[in-house]
Amino acid sequence: MNKNNIVTIMLGVLLVCAVGYIVWQNKLSRTINSNTSPLVTTNAPTASRPAKDIKITTPLNAALSGDEVIAGVGRLVYFEGSFPVELRDSNSDMVWTGPATAQSDWMVTDYVPFSFTIPTKAIPNGSYTLVLTQDDPSGELVPPALYSISVPVTIAN
């Protein structure tokens, strides 16, 4: 066998391998793209697994002034006994943030009372949105899996 025959055979083998790789990748790509079935979740609320929920029990129909204590109950939204609260202005800019703290054992599936204090004297008068969000220390949850509520409030010192 001369050198030209060896080079021709090697190029032929390389060509067959390249074509085989391209065919394999194309088949793999079609398999991945054809699996577009919707994600089915089994985390829907049931009697034994209630839904996440936050309810404010402090009446917020009057303007807030002074250091306002806001209270409510939350279910399945705590991590280490708290969850985040934000006060946002009309541009959705955060004006204040702090934790809502559980007032009893938070590691239950029933409602647990919480409270937090907004230092309204340090905030200009005006209309705001209070946002209470389930705590997510991993940062992996996105809406709608990340539960939150928004409540309009007015500050008048």
Protein backbone atom coordinates (compact mmCIF):
# COMPACT_ATOMS: atom_id res chain seq x y z
CA MET A 1 0.00 0.00 0.00
CA ASN A 2 1.38 3.31 -0.92
CA LYS A 3 1.03 6.57 0.95
CA ASN A 4 -1.79 7.90 -1.25
CA ASN A 5 -3.97 4.84 -0.56
CA ILE A 6 -3.49 5.18 3.23
CA VAL A 7 -4.39 8.88 3.12
CA THR A 8 -7.47 8.13 0.98
CA ILE A 9 -8.63 5.41 3.41
CA MET A 10 -8.09 7.69 6.42
CA LEU A 11 -10.02 10.52 4.77
CA GLY A 12 -12.84 8.08 3.93
CA VAL A 13 -13.05 6.88 7.54
CA LEU A 14 -13.00 10.47 8.80
CA LEU A 15 -15.77 11.42 6.34
CA VAL A 16 -17.95 8.47 7.44
CA CYS A 17 -17.44 9.42 11.12
CA ALA A 18 -18.34 13.06 10.42
CA VAL A 19 -21.52 12.11 8.54
CA GLY A 20 -22.47 9.68 11.32
CA TYR A 21 -21.97 12.39 13.96
CA ILE A 22 -24.11 14.89 12.03
CA VAL A 23 -26.92 12.35 11.62
CA TRP A 24 -26.76 11.45 15.32
CA GLN A 25 -26.90 15.15 16.38
CA ASN A 26 -29.83 15.82 14.06
CA LYS A 27 -31.77 12.86 15.47
CA LEU A 28 -30.99 13.98 19.06
CA SER A 29 -32.13 17.53 18.26
CA ARG A 30 -35.44 16.30 16.83
CA THR A 31 -36.01 14.15 19.93
CA ILE A 32 -35.44 17.09 22.29
CA ASN A 33 -37.58 19.50 20.24
CA SER A 34 -40.47 17.05 19.88
CA ASN A 35 -40.81 16.74 23.67
CA THR A 36 -42.85 19.94 24.09
CA SER A 37 -45.61 18.54 26.28
CA PRO A 38 -46.67 20.97 29.02
CA LEU A 39 -45.21 20.55 32.47
CA VAL A 40 -47.69 18.81 34.75
CA THR A 41 -47.41 19.68 38.41
CA THR A 42 -48.75 17.77 41.35
CA ASN A 43 -48.40 20.71 43.74
CA ALA A 44 -51.99 21.85 43.40
CA PRO A 45 -53.63 22.59 46.76
CA THR A 46 -55.59 19.76 48.34
CA ALA A 47 -57.20 19.20 51.73
CA SER A 48 -53.92 17.74 53.01
CA ARG A 49 -51.74 20.34 51.22
CA PRO A 50 -53.32 23.82 51.49
CA ALA A 51 -52.52 26.76 49.23
CA LYS A 52 -50.03 29.49 50.09
CA ASP A 53 -51.79 32.55 51.37
CA ILE A 54 -51.21 35.94 53.03
CA LYS A 55 -54.01 37.98 54.60
CA ILE A 56 -53.65 41.38 56.24
CA THR A 57 -55.92 41.77 59.27
CA THR A 58 -54.99 45.37 60.13
CA PRO A 59 -57.47 47.75 58.47
CA LEU A 60 -55.60 49.72 55.80
CA ASN A 61 -58.45 51.99 54.70
CA ALA A 62 -57.09 54.96 56.70
CA ALA A 63 -53.85 56.80 55.95
CA LEU A 64 -50.80 55.42 57.74
CA SER A 65 -48.87 57.74 60.06
CA GLY A 66 -46.23 57.29 62.73
CA ASP A 67 -44.65 53.87 63.15
CA GLU A 68 -47.48 51.67 61.90
CA VAL A 69 -47.70 48.05 63.02
CA ILE A 70 -49.33 45.91 60.35
CA ALA A 71 -50.63 42.46 61.28
CA GLY A 72 -52.06 39.50 59.44
CA VAL A 73 -51.81 35.76 58.91
CA GLY A 74 -49.79 33.75 56.44
CA ARG A 75 -49.78 30.13 55.39
CA LEU A 76 -46.78 28.34 53.81
CA VAL A 77 -44.94 31.60 53.03
CA TYR A 78 -42.38 31.70 55.86
CA PHE A 79 -38.71 30.74 55.89
CA GLU A 80 -36.98 30.78 59.25
CA GLY A 81 -40.04 32.55 60.68
CA SER A 82 -40.30 35.52 58.31
CA PHE A 83 -41.04 36.67 54.78
CA PRO A 84 -40.14 39.91 52.94
CA VAL A 85 -42.30 43.04 52.79
CA GLU A 86 -41.66 45.97 50.45
CA LEU A 87 -43.19 49.42 50.13
CA ARG A 88 -43.08 50.66 46.52
CA ASP A 89 -43.88 54.07 45.09
CA SER A 90 -45.92 54.80 41.95
CA ASN A 91 -42.83 54.08 39.78
CA SER A 92 -42.43 50.66 41.46
CA ASP A 93 -39.23 51.87 43.14
CA MET A 94 -38.64 50.32 46.55
CA VAL A 95 -39.00 52.91 49.31
CA TRP A 96 -38.75 50.57 52.31
CA THR A 97 -38.20 46.88 52.92
CA GLY A 98 -38.35 44.73 56.03
CA PRO A 99 -39.44 41.33 57.31
CA ALA A 100 -42.87 40.23 58.41
CA THR A 101 -42.18 38.07 61.46
CA ALA A 102 -44.20 35.04 62.56
CA GLN A 103 -45.78 35.44 66.00
CA SER A 104 -45.96 31.69 66.69
CA ASP A 105 -44.68 28.37 65.31
CA TRP A 106 -44.33 28.95 61.57
CA MET A 107 -43.55 25.33 60.61
CA VAL A 108 -47.20 24.33 60.24
CA THR A 109 -49.61 24.16 57.31
CA ASP A 110 -52.23 26.34 59.01
CA TYR A 111 -52.35 30.14 59.17
CA VAL A 112 -49.69 31.73 61.39
CA PRO A 113 -50.01 35.32 62.67
CA PHE A 114 -47.35 37.84 61.60
CA SER A 115 -46.56 41.49 62.15
CA PHE A 116 -44.19 44.17 60.90
CA THR A 117 -43.66 47.88 61.49
CA ILE A 118 -43.42 50.50 58.75
CA PRO A 119 -41.48 53.61 59.85
CA THR A 120 -43.78 56.01 57.99
CA LYS A 121 -42.19 59.16 59.49
CA ALA A 122 -39.12 58.51 57.32
CA ILE A 123 -41.25 58.15 54.17
CA PRO A 124 -42.74 61.08 52.20
CA ASN A 125 -46.51 61.45 52.16
CA GLY A 126 -48.22 59.86 49.18
CA SER A 127 -49.70 56.72 47.65
CA TYR A 128 -47.73 53.48 47.77
CA THR A 129 -48.08 49.76 47.22
CA LEU A 130 -47.33 47.33 50.02
CA VAL A 131 -45.96 44.04 48.58
CA LEU A 132 -45.84 40.94 50.79
CA THR A 133 -44.03 37.99 49.20
CA GLN A 134 -43.42 34.38 50.12
CA ASP A 135 -39.82 33.97 51.28
CA ASP A 136 -37.61 32.18 48.74
CA PRO A 137 -34.03 31.92 50.04
CA SER A 138 -32.98 29.81 47.04
CA GLY A 139 -34.12 32.45 44.57
CA GLU A 140 -35.44 29.71 42.30
CA LEU A 141 -39.17 30.44 42.44
CA VAL A 142 -40.82 32.72 39.91
CA PRO A 143 -44.46 33.80 39.67
CA PRO A 144 -46.93 32.14 39.85
CA ALA A 145 -45.01 29.67 42.06
CA LEU A 146 -43.69 32.61 44.12
CA TYR A 147 -46.78 33.84 45.96
CA SER A 148 -47.26 37.54 46.75
CA ILE A 149 -49.98 40.09 47.39
CA SER A 150 -50.02 43.82 46.69
CA VAL A 151 -52.09 46.28 48.72
CA PRO A 152 -52.45 50.02 48.05
CA VAL A 153 -51.68 52.25 51.06
CA THR A 154 -51.49 55.98 51.71
CA ILE A 155 -48.96 57.63 54.00
CA ALA A 156 -49.92 60.94 55.63
CA ASN A 157 -47.72 62.12 58.49
